[in-house]
Protein backbone atom coordinates (compact mmCIF):
# COMPACT_ATOMS: atom_id res chain seq x y z
CA MET A 1 -1.58 -21.12 30.17
CA PHE A 2 -2.71 -21.80 26.62
CA LEU A 3 -0.87 -19.77 24.01
CA HIS A 4 -1.76 -19.08 20.43
CA VAL A 5 0.35 -17.63 17.65
CA THR A 6 -1.41 -14.60 16.19
CA HIS A 7 1.07 -13.68 13.47
CA ALA A 8 4.46 -14.72 12.19
CA LYS A 9 6.94 -13.50 9.60
CA PRO A 10 10.05 -15.27 8.32
CA LEU A 11 13.40 -13.63 8.92
CA ASP A 12 16.89 -14.83 8.00
CA GLY A 13 17.87 -18.45 8.44
CA TYR A 14 15.40 -20.26 10.69
CA ARG A 15 14.33 -17.21 12.65
CA VAL A 16 10.72 -16.10 12.85
CA GLU A 17 9.25 -12.83 14.08
CA VAL A 18 6.22 -13.98 16.02
CA GLY A 19 3.33 -12.57 18.04
CA PHE A 20 1.19 -14.31 20.64
CA ASP A 21 -2.29 -13.79 22.03
CA ASP A 22 -0.83 -12.62 25.36
CA GLY A 23 0.46 -9.52 23.54
CA ARG A 24 4.13 -10.51 23.51
CA GLU A 25 6.14 -10.28 20.31
CA GLY A 26 9.63 -11.60 19.74
CA VAL A 27 12.00 -13.48 17.49
CA ALA A 28 12.21 -17.26 17.75
CA ASP A 29 15.21 -19.11 16.37
CA LEU A 30 13.73 -22.48 15.41
CA THR A 31 17.00 -24.12 14.35
CA GLU A 32 16.84 -26.55 17.31
CA ALA A 33 13.41 -27.77 16.18
CA LEU A 34 14.67 -29.09 12.84
CA GLN A 35 15.49 -32.58 14.10
CA GLY A 36 14.11 -35.80 12.69
CA PRO A 37 12.82 -36.84 9.28
CA MET A 38 9.68 -34.74 9.42
CA PHE A 39 11.82 -31.61 9.40
CA ASP A 40 14.30 -32.65 6.69
CA SER A 41 12.64 -30.62 3.93
CA LEU A 42 12.45 -27.58 6.23
CA LYS A 43 16.23 -27.47 6.51
CA ASN A 44 16.13 -25.72 3.14
CA PRO A 45 15.67 -22.06 4.19
CA ASP A 46 13.45 -21.34 1.17
CA VAL A 47 11.10 -24.18 2.15
CA PHE A 48 11.25 -23.19 5.82
CA LYS A 49 9.95 -19.71 4.98
CA LYS A 50 6.76 -21.13 3.43
CA PHE A 51 5.02 -21.48 6.80
CA ARG A 52 1.73 -19.86 7.70
CA VAL A 53 -0.28 -19.38 10.86
CA ASP A 54 -3.09 -21.92 10.83
CA GLU A 55 -6.33 -20.38 12.11
CA GLU A 56 -7.60 -23.64 13.59
CA LEU A 57 -4.36 -24.83 15.21
CA GLN A 58 -3.29 -21.26 16.04
CA THR A 59 0.36 -22.03 15.44
CA ILE A 60 2.90 -22.12 12.62
CA VAL A 61 2.39 -24.89 10.04
CA TRP A 62 4.20 -25.81 6.84
CA PRO A 63 2.76 -27.15 3.57
CA ASN A 64 4.00 -30.69 4.41
CA GLY A 65 1.76 -30.71 7.52
CA THR A 66 4.52 -30.13 10.06
CA ASP A 67 3.68 -27.79 12.93
CA LEU A 68 5.23 -26.67 16.19
CA ALA A 69 3.57 -26.23 19.57
CA PRO A 70 3.00 -22.55 20.30
CA GLU A 71 4.60 -23.05 23.74
CA TYR A 72 7.80 -24.25 22.09
CA ILE A 73 7.89 -21.23 19.80
CA TYR A 74 7.22 -18.99 22.81
CA TYR A 75 10.09 -20.62 24.69
CA GLN A 76 12.45 -20.06 21.76
CA ALA A 77 11.39 -16.41 21.49
CA PHE A 78 11.67 -15.60 25.21
CA ARG A 79 14.01 -18.24 26.61
CA ASP A 80 16.31 -15.62 28.18
CA ASP A 81 13.54 -13.67 29.91
CA PRO A 82 14.14 -14.09 33.68
CA GLU A 83 10.45 -13.54 34.45
CA LEU A 84 9.48 -16.60 32.38
CA GLN A 85 12.00 -19.12 33.73
CA ALA A 86 9.53 -20.66 36.20
CA THR A 87 6.97 -21.10 33.42
CA PHE A 88 9.53 -22.72 31.11
CA ARG A 89 10.62 -25.02 33.94
CA LYS A 90 6.99 -26.01 34.53
CA TRP A 91 6.60 -26.76 30.82
CA GLY A 92 9.71 -28.95 30.93
CA TYR A 93 11.90 -26.85 28.63
CA ILE A 94 14.53 -26.26 31.32
CA ALA A 95 15.62 -28.36 34.28
């Protein structure tokens, strides 16, 4: 399954309202993604909110070039959905 982010809107903190090309929409809390030096500047909520959906990559990207895999964003948005647990296990997000 290849996923693409179709639209995204910043919410409070590090949460993003996001839509995918499979028709699902949800809210992804991306706090867990902000690890490592590449994400240091994004820990400032005002900087974090400056993302956009890149048409070529079809995911969220920030002005410093950082991006996240659409599958990771999808997992964060729907991690509690029982119907998707097998998919998330296959992707390696859960054991």
